[in-house]
């Protein structure tokens, strides 16, 4: 599809594989597909764009928002119910407690005429959070097509490999698809595609080439690079707007943007100031260190009581590990100890250590 190729750049092989797995609407697709890759590698965008462009019935759920299994199962069912309900109709909220209830309710929801004879897709973004939920949830989603006897495919989107998901008891193996990181050529092509209409594509491509030459060694995140490109472009084309240079005068444009890109290098990923503050900083030519909030990570101050906890932990680290129970238990009546003479020098040294710690903690409590 030419329209889809223009929307999804540098992911032609992954799109082709997904299209072949999806097949026709009425065909049974693969029960589960596991898509993994580093952050900002196009997993979510490609999946959503493909499903929306092909107009396939799908439900997209972010597992970060659903921190319990009940929230996750109910959100899937309610979104499916909204898809199956007639236009203008009011769909009721579905409650679901367990995976058995989910399978039963899923069969009821997918009986609707709008979902019959076609594959229903459930997309679980940030799927690594499923490992913190009930043990039967991940195997259940992997075999959902078998459990429900419905034409359904579950897509897992994750940043970690499948080997870290696989349960020790074994499970149904999904189809694994890897999204590699974008190369510098891919980033150049994708970022150049976002050029403003008032400037030529070659002019914006030259700017992206300069930007990647500075930031590619420290940042390969497409989202961050796109943010930096939008933020620093007005400063790059400032000489052109003022009439001091033309679009082909790359040397003069580079000299104008170089100090500002060096400043931006100090705040990659930090987001300590807003975009409006950064634009004001660029216009006023202010030193970044003078702006409040910028590089504040160099002045970390611990909370008041955390300092005393840190000091107490440091002092306690000088005691042997075998004496922790003796020193820090509230009651010693349940501890089995050997009868030792009161005048034993070893016992006296332990008591002295314990007494000094008690005095230290009492002094801490008495501080204002």
Protein backbone atom coordinates (compact mmCIF):
# COMPACT_ATOMS: atom_id res chain seq x y z
CA UNK A 1 0.00 0.00 0.00
CA UNK A 2 1.69 3.24 -1.15
CA UNK A 3 -0.22 5.35 1.39
CA UNK A 4 1.00 3.14 4.26
CA UNK A 5 4.61 3.29 3.03
CA UNK A 6 4.51 7.09 3.19
CA UNK A 7 3.21 6.99 6.76
CA UNK A 8 5.62 4.35 8.11
CA UNK A 9 9.22 5.05 7.10
CA UNK A 10 12.18 2.66 7.40
CA UNK A 11 10.03 -0.21 8.72
CA UNK A 12 9.07 -1.86 5.43
CA UNK A 13 10.17 -5.38 6.42
CA UNK A 14 8.32 -5.30 9.77
CA UNK A 15 5.14 -3.97 8.11
CA UNK A 16 5.35 -6.70 5.46
CA UNK A 17 5.71 -9.43 8.11
CA UNK A 18 2.77 -8.10 10.13
CA UNK A 19 0.57 -7.86 7.05
CA UNK A 20 1.36 -11.46 6.13
CA UNK A 21 0.57 -12.57 9.71
CA UNK A 22 -2.74 -10.68 9.75
CA UNK A 23 -3.90 -12.11 6.44
CA UNK A 24 -7.50 -11.60 5.36
CA UNK A 25 -10.17 -10.41 7.75
CA UNK A 26 -11.98 -13.74 7.93
CA UNK A 27 -8.79 -15.82 8.24
CA UNK A 28 -7.59 -17.09 11.61
CA UNK A 29 -4.41 -15.17 12.42
CA UNK A 30 -1.49 -16.21 14.64
CA UNK A 31 -2.77 -16.52 18.27
CA UNK A 32 -0.11 -14.24 19.79
CA UNK A 33 2.65 -11.98 18.43
CA UNK A 34 5.48 -10.65 20.59
CA UNK A 35 7.07 -7.43 19.29
CA UNK A 36 10.14 -6.13 21.09
CA UNK A 37 12.81 -3.49 20.63
CA UNK A 38 14.36 -0.50 22.34
CA UNK A 39 12.36 2.60 23.18
CA UNK A 40 11.39 4.85 20.24
CA UNK A 41 12.01 2.09 17.68
CA UNK A 42 8.53 2.39 16.14
CA UNK A 43 6.75 -0.58 17.75
CA UNK A 44 3.65 1.25 18.96
CA UNK A 45 3.43 3.63 16.00
CA UNK A 46 3.75 0.92 13.36
CA UNK A 47 1.20 -1.34 15.07
CA UNK A 48 -1.38 1.40 15.60
CA UNK A 49 -0.92 2.84 12.10
CA UNK A 50 -1.24 -0.57 10.47
CA UNK A 51 -4.41 -1.50 12.37
CA UNK A 52 -6.04 1.89 11.78
CA UNK A 53 -5.12 2.04 8.10
CA UNK A 54 -6.42 -1.47 7.43
CA UNK A 55 -9.51 -0.65 9.56
CA UNK A 56 -9.18 -3.82 11.61
CA UNK A 57 -11.16 -4.14 14.88
CA UNK A 58 -8.65 -3.71 17.66
CA UNK A 59 -8.24 -2.71 21.29
CA UNK A 60 -5.15 -0.86 22.48
CA UNK A 61 -4.29 -1.02 26.21
CA UNK A 62 -1.28 0.43 28.02
CA UNK A 63 -0.29 -1.90 30.88
CA UNK A 64 1.23 1.01 32.83
CA UNK A 65 -2.25 2.45 33.32
CA UNK A 66 -3.67 -0.94 34.37
CA UNK A 67 -1.63 -1.78 37.46
CA UNK A 68 -3.94 -4.65 38.50
CA UNK A 69 -5.28 -7.57 36.51
CA UNK A 70 -8.85 -6.49 37.15
CA UNK A 71 -8.29 -3.06 35.60
CA UNK A 72 -6.58 -4.65 32.61
CA UNK A 73 -9.29 -7.21 31.93
CA UNK A 74 -12.13 -4.73 32.42
CA UNK A 75 -10.55 -2.16 30.12
CA UNK A 76 -10.18 -4.73 27.33
CA UNK A 77 -13.77 -5.91 27.69
CA UNK A 78 -15.24 -2.40 27.87
CA UNK A 79 -13.35 -1.26 24.78
CA UNK A 80 -14.50 -4.36 22.90
CA UNK A 81 -18.04 -3.73 24.08
CA UNK A 82 -17.81 -0.19 22.77
CA UNK A 83 -16.68 -1.54 19.37
CA UNK A 84 -19.50 -4.05 19.20
CA UNK A 85 -22.25 -1.67 20.36
CA UNK A 86 -24.36 -0.02 17.69
CA UNK A 87 -23.67 3.58 16.69
CA UNK A 88 -25.25 5.98 19.11
CA UNK A 89 -26.01 3.16 21.51
CA UNK A 90 -25.06 3.32 25.16
CA UNK A 91 -22.83 0.43 26.27
CA UNK A 92 -22.86 -0.70 29.89
CA UNK A 93 -19.71 -1.04 31.96
CA UNK A 94 -18.49 -4.60 32.39
CA UNK A 95 -16.90 -5.81 35.62
CA UNK A 96 -14.47 -8.71 35.62
CA UNK A 97 -12.57 -10.25 38.51
CA UNK A 98 -10.71 -13.31 37.18
CA UNK A 99 -9.38 -14.74 33.94
CA UNK A 100 -12.22 -17.31 33.88
CA UNK A 101 -14.75 -14.48 33.95
CA UNK A 102 -12.80 -12.70 31.22
CA UNK A 103 -12.97 -15.73 28.90
CA UNK A 104 -16.73 -16.08 29.48
CA UNK A 105 -17.45 -12.37 28.97
CA UNK A 106 -15.14 -12.20 25.96
CA UNK A 107 -17.22 -14.87 24.22
CA UNK A 108 -20.38 -12.85 24.87
CA UNK A 109 -18.94 -9.56 23.64
CA UNK A 110 -17.52 -11.01 20.42
CA UNK A 111 -20.89 -12.51 19.47
CA UNK A 112 -21.89 -9.08 18.14
CA UNK A 113 -22.57 -8.82 14.42
CA UNK A 114 -19.87 -6.17 13.90
CA UNK A 115 -17.15 -8.51 15.23
CA UNK A 116 -18.27 -11.72 13.56
CA UNK A 117 -16.22 -13.39 10.81
CA UNK A 118 -13.14 -11.20 11.33
CA UNK A 119 -10.06 -11.17 13.52
CA UNK A 120 -10.13 -9.10 16.70
CA UNK A 121 -6.75 -7.70 17.79
CA UNK A 122 -5.79 -6.95 21.40
CA UNK A 123 -2.64 -4.83 21.69
CA UNK A 124 -0.89 -4.77 25.09
CA UNK A 125 1.69 -1.99 25.19
CA UNK A 126 4.42 -2.07 27.88
CA UNK A 127 3.75 -5.79 28.22
CA UNK A 128 6.67 -6.28 30.62
CA UNK A 129 4.33 -5.15 33.43
CA UNK A 130 2.35 -8.37 32.97
CA UNK A 131 5.12 -10.21 34.79
CA UNK A 132 4.16 -8.41 38.02
CA UNK A 133 0.54 -9.57 37.83
CA UNK A 134 -1.07 -12.97 38.43
CA UNK A 135 0.89 -15.95 37.15
CA UNK A 136 -1.96 -17.22 34.96
CA UNK A 137 -2.47 -13.93 33.11
CA UNK A 138 0.39 -14.14 30.59
CA UNK A 139 -0.22 -17.83 29.64
CA UNK A 140 -3.93 -17.04 29.37
CA UNK A 141 -3.37 -14.22 26.87
CA UNK A 142 -0.97 -16.40 24.88
CA UNK A 143 -3.67 -19.08 24.48
CA UNK A 144 -6.67 -16.74 24.34
CA UNK A 145 -7.65 -17.93 20.86
CA UNK A 146 -7.77 -21.53 22.11
CA UNK A 147 -9.56 -20.70 25.38
CA UNK A 148 -12.30 -18.59 23.78
CA UNK A 149 -12.59 -20.44 20.45
CA UNK A 150 -12.72 -17.03 18.77
CA UNK A 151 -10.72 -15.41 15.98
CA UNK A 152 -8.53 -13.23 18.21
CA UNK A 153 -4.86 -12.24 18.14
CA UNK A 154 -2.98 -10.74 21.10
CA UNK A 155 0.00 -8.49 20.33
CA UNK A 156 2.56 -7.85 23.08
CA UNK A 157 4.73 -4.73 22.75
CA UNK A 158 7.77 -4.71 25.02
CA UNK A 159 11.28 -3.34 25.41
CA UNK A 160 12.73 -6.60 26.76
CA UNK A 161 13.33 -9.94 25.07
CA UNK A 162 10.91 -12.88 25.16
CA UNK A 163 13.33 -15.03 27.18
CA UNK A 164 12.65 -12.83 30.22
CA UNK A 165 8.90 -13.44 29.84
CA UNK A 166 8.85 -17.20 29.42
CA UNK A 167 7.40 -18.88 32.59
CA UNK A 168 9.29 -21.77 34.19
CA UNK A 169 6.25 -24.01 33.79
CA UNK A 170 6.21 -23.51 30.03
CA UNK A 171 3.66 -21.78 27.82
CA UNK A 172 2.50 -21.32 24.24
CA UNK A 173 5.33 -19.71 22.22
CA UNK A 174 4.28 -16.53 20.36
CA UNK A 175 5.60 -15.32 17.04
CA UNK A 176 8.56 -13.07 17.94
CA UNK A 177 9.26 -9.95 15.84
CA UNK A 178 12.24 -7.69 16.51
CA UNK A 179 12.34 -3.95 15.77
CA UNK A 180 16.00 -2.91 15.50
CA UNK A 181 17.25 0.57 16.36
CA UNK A 182 17.13 3.21 13.66
CA UNK A 183 20.42 3.80 11.89
CA UNK A 184 21.69 7.32 11.30
CA UNK A 185 20.42 7.10 7.73
CA UNK A 186 16.96 6.08 8.96
CA UNK A 187 16.87 8.96 11.45
CA UNK A 188 17.96 11.37 8.73
CA UNK A 189 15.12 10.22 6.47
CA UNK A 190 12.44 10.25 9.20
CA UNK A 191 13.38 13.63 10.67
CA UNK A 192 13.75 15.24 7.23
CA UNK A 193 10.21 14.13 6.44
CA UNK A 194 8.93 16.59 9.09
CA UNK A 195 10.23 19.72 7.36
CA UNK A 196 8.10 22.90 7.68
CA UNK A 197 6.20 23.83 4.51
CA UNK A 198 7.70 27.34 4.39
CA UNK A 199 11.22 25.97 3.91
CA UNK A 200 12.59 23.65 1.27
CA UNK A 201 13.24 19.98 2.00
CA UNK A 202 16.96 20.32 1.21
CA UNK A 203 17.34 23.19 3.68
CA UNK A 204 15.72 21.19 6.50
CA UNK A 205 17.68 18.05 5.56
CA UNK A 206 20.94 20.01 5.90
CA UNK A 207 19.82 21.13 9.37
CA UNK A 208 18.98 17.54 10.39
CA UNK A 209 22.38 16.43 9.15
CA UNK A 210 24.06 18.99 11.45
CA UNK A 211 21.82 18.01 14.36
CA UNK A 212 22.60 14.30 14.02
CA UNK A 213 26.29 15.04 13.68
CA UNK A 214 26.20 16.63 17.14
CA UNK A 215 23.72 14.43 19.03
CA UNK A 216 23.88 10.97 17.44
CA UNK A 217 26.77 9.81 19.62
CA UNK A 218 24.90 10.59 22.87
CA UNK A 219 21.24 10.21 21.87
CA UNK A 220 19.56 7.85 19.40
CA UNK A 221 16.05 8.20 20.74
CA UNK A 222 13.82 9.35 17.86
CA UNK A 223 11.41 11.19 20.18
CA UNK A 224 14.19 13.14 21.86
CA UNK A 225 15.88 13.97 18.55
CA UNK A 226 12.59 15.13 17.09
CA UNK A 227 12.05 17.36 20.14
CA UNK A 228 15.56 18.83 19.77
CA UNK A 229 15.03 19.40 16.05
CA UNK A 230 11.84 21.38 16.60
CA UNK A 231 13.31 23.33 19.51
CA UNK A 232 16.52 24.50 17.81
CA UNK A 233 15.30 25.03 14.24
CA UNK A 234 14.18 28.69 14.75
CA UNK A 235 17.73 29.55 15.83
CA UNK A 236 19.19 27.76 12.81
CA UNK A 237 17.09 29.70 10.28
CA UNK A 238 17.44 33.02 12.13
CA UNK A 239 20.12 34.40 9.73
CA UNK A 240 17.86 33.50 6.78
CA UNK A 241 14.90 35.30 8.33
CA UNK A 242 17.02 38.40 9.02
CA UNK A 243 18.44 38.36 5.50
CA UNK A 244 22.02 37.86 6.68
CA UNK A 245 22.43 34.57 4.80
CA UNK A 246 20.63 32.38 2.28
CA UNK A 247 19.59 28.75 2.59
CA UNK A 248 22.75 27.49 0.86
CA UNK A 249 25.17 29.37 3.13
CA UNK A 250 25.76 26.34 5.36
CA UNK A 251 28.99 27.62 6.91
CA UNK A 252 27.39 30.77 8.29
CA UNK A 253 24.33 28.85 9.46
CA UNK A 254 26.57 26.36 11.26
CA UNK A 255 28.50 29.09 13.07
CA UNK A 256 25.22 30.58 14.25
CA UNK A 257 23.75 27.32 15.59
CA UNK A 258 26.90 25.67 16.99
CA UNK A 259 26.96 27.34 20.47
CA UNK A 260 23.24 26.71 20.96
CA UNK A 261 23.56 23.01 20.13
CA UNK A 262 26.38 22.76 22.67
CA UNK A 263 24.05 24.22 25.29
CA UNK A 264 21.35 21.75 24.35
CA UNK A 265 23.86 18.91 24.86
CA UNK A 266 23.77 19.66 28.60
CA UNK A 267 20.03 19.01 28.88
CA UNK A 268 19.48 15.92 26.70
CA UNK A 269 16.71 13.77 28.29
CA UNK A 270 16.53 16.01 31.41
CA UNK A 271 13.47 18.18 30.59
CA UNK A 272 14.35 20.47 33.50
CA UNK A 273 12.89 23.49 31.73
CA UNK A 274 9.95 23.90 29.38
CA UNK A 275 10.22 24.57 25.66
CA UNK A 276 9.11 28.17 26.15
CA UNK A 277 11.86 28.73 28.73
CA UNK A 278 14.44 27.26 26.36
CA UNK A 279 13.28 29.51 23.51
CA UNK A 280 13.57 32.52 25.82
CA UNK A 281 17.05 31.35 26.77
CA UNK A 282 18.00 31.15 23.09
CA UNK A 283 16.72 34.63 22.32
CA UNK A 284 18.41 36.30 25.30
CA UNK A 285 21.71 34.40 24.83
CA UNK A 286 21.70 33.60 28.54
CA UNK A 287 24.08 31.14 30.14
CA UNK A 288 22.12 27.93 30.91
CA UNK A 289 23.60 27.70 34.40
CA UNK A 290 21.98 31.03 35.32
CA UNK A 291 18.47 29.80 34.60
CA UNK A 292 16.61 28.49 37.62
CA UNK A 293 15.94 24.78 37.38
CA UNK A 294 18.65 24.06 34.83
CA UNK A 295 21.37 21.65 35.92
CA UNK A 296 19.82 21.48 39.37
CA UNK A 297 20.98 17.89 39.61
CA UNK A 298 24.38 19.21 40.76
CA UNK A 299 22.83 20.51 44.03
CA UNK A 300 21.10 17.50 45.56
CA UNK A 301 19.95 17.99 49.15
CA UNK A 302 18.77 15.06 51.26
CA UNK A 303 15.64 15.38 53.43
CA UNK A 304 16.22 16.32 57.07
CA UNK A 305 15.62 12.94 58.74
CA UNK A 306 17.28 11.03 55.92
CA UNK A 307 20.60 12.51 57.00
CA UNK A 308 20.28 10.95 60.48
CA UNK A 309 19.26 7.60 58.99
CA UNK A 310 22.34 7.72 56.78
CA UNK A 311 24.61 8.55 59.73
CA UNK A 312 23.06 5.79 61.87
CA UNK A 313 23.49 3.26 59.06
CA UNK A 314 27.12 4.28 58.67
CA UNK A 315 27.83 3.83 62.38
CA UNK A 316 25.95 0.53 62.52
CA UNK A 317 28.02 -0.81 59.63
CA UNK A 318 31.01 -1.03 62.02
CA UNK A 319 29.22 -3.74 64.07
CA UNK A 320 29.62 -7.37 62.96
CA UNK A 321 26.63 -8.82 61.09
CA UNK A 322 26.23 -11.62 63.65
CA UNK A 323 25.46 -9.08 66.40
CA UNK A 324 22.53 -7.39 64.60
CA UNK A 325 19.87 -9.43 66.38
CA UNK A 326 21.49 -8.86 69.76
CA UNK A 327 21.69 -5.10 69.29
CA UNK A 328 18.48 -4.28 67.45
CA UNK A 329 15.83 -6.74 68.68
CA UNK A 330 13.37 -5.18 71.14
CA UNK A 331 13.33 -8.28 73.33
CA UNK A 332 16.17 -10.69 74.01
CA UNK A 333 14.13 -13.28 75.92
CA UNK A 334 13.66 -15.53 72.89
CA UNK A 335 17.32 -15.60 71.95
CA UNK A 336 19.40 -18.60 72.92
CA UNK A 337 22.59 -17.37 74.48
CA UNK A 338 25.39 -19.05 76.28
CA UNK A 339 25.91 -18.27 79.96
CA UNK A 340 28.79 -15.84 80.14
CA UNK A 341 30.42 -14.28 83.13
CA UNK A 342 29.39 -10.73 83.86
CA UNK A 343 32.99 -9.76 84.16
CA UNK A 344 33.93 -11.17 80.74
CA UNK A 345 35.82 -8.49 78.79
CA UNK A 346 34.13 -9.66 75.54
CA UNK A 347 30.65 -9.11 76.98
CA UNK A 348 31.63 -5.75 78.42
CA UNK A 349 32.81 -4.54 74.98
CA UNK A 350 29.50 -5.58 73.40
CA UNK A 351 27.46 -3.85 76.07
CA UNK A 352 29.57 -0.74 75.65
CA UNK A 353 28.91 -0.72 71.90
CA UNK A 354 25.20 -1.15 72.48
CA UNK A 355 25.17 1.58 75.12
CA UNK A 356 27.02 4.01 72.81
CA UNK A 357 24.49 3.38 70.04
CA UNK A 358 21.59 4.03 72.41
CA UNK A 359 23.17 7.31 73.49
CA UNK A 360 23.69 8.25 69.84
CA UNK A 361 20.04 7.62 68.95
CA UNK A 362 18.86 9.50 72.06
CA UNK A 363 20.95 12.47 71.01
CA UNK A 364 19.45 12.36 67.53
CA UNK A 365 15.93 12.38 68.98
CA UNK A 366 16.76 15.34 71.18
CA UNK A 367 17.93 17.46 68.22
CA UNK A 368 15.56 20.34 67.28
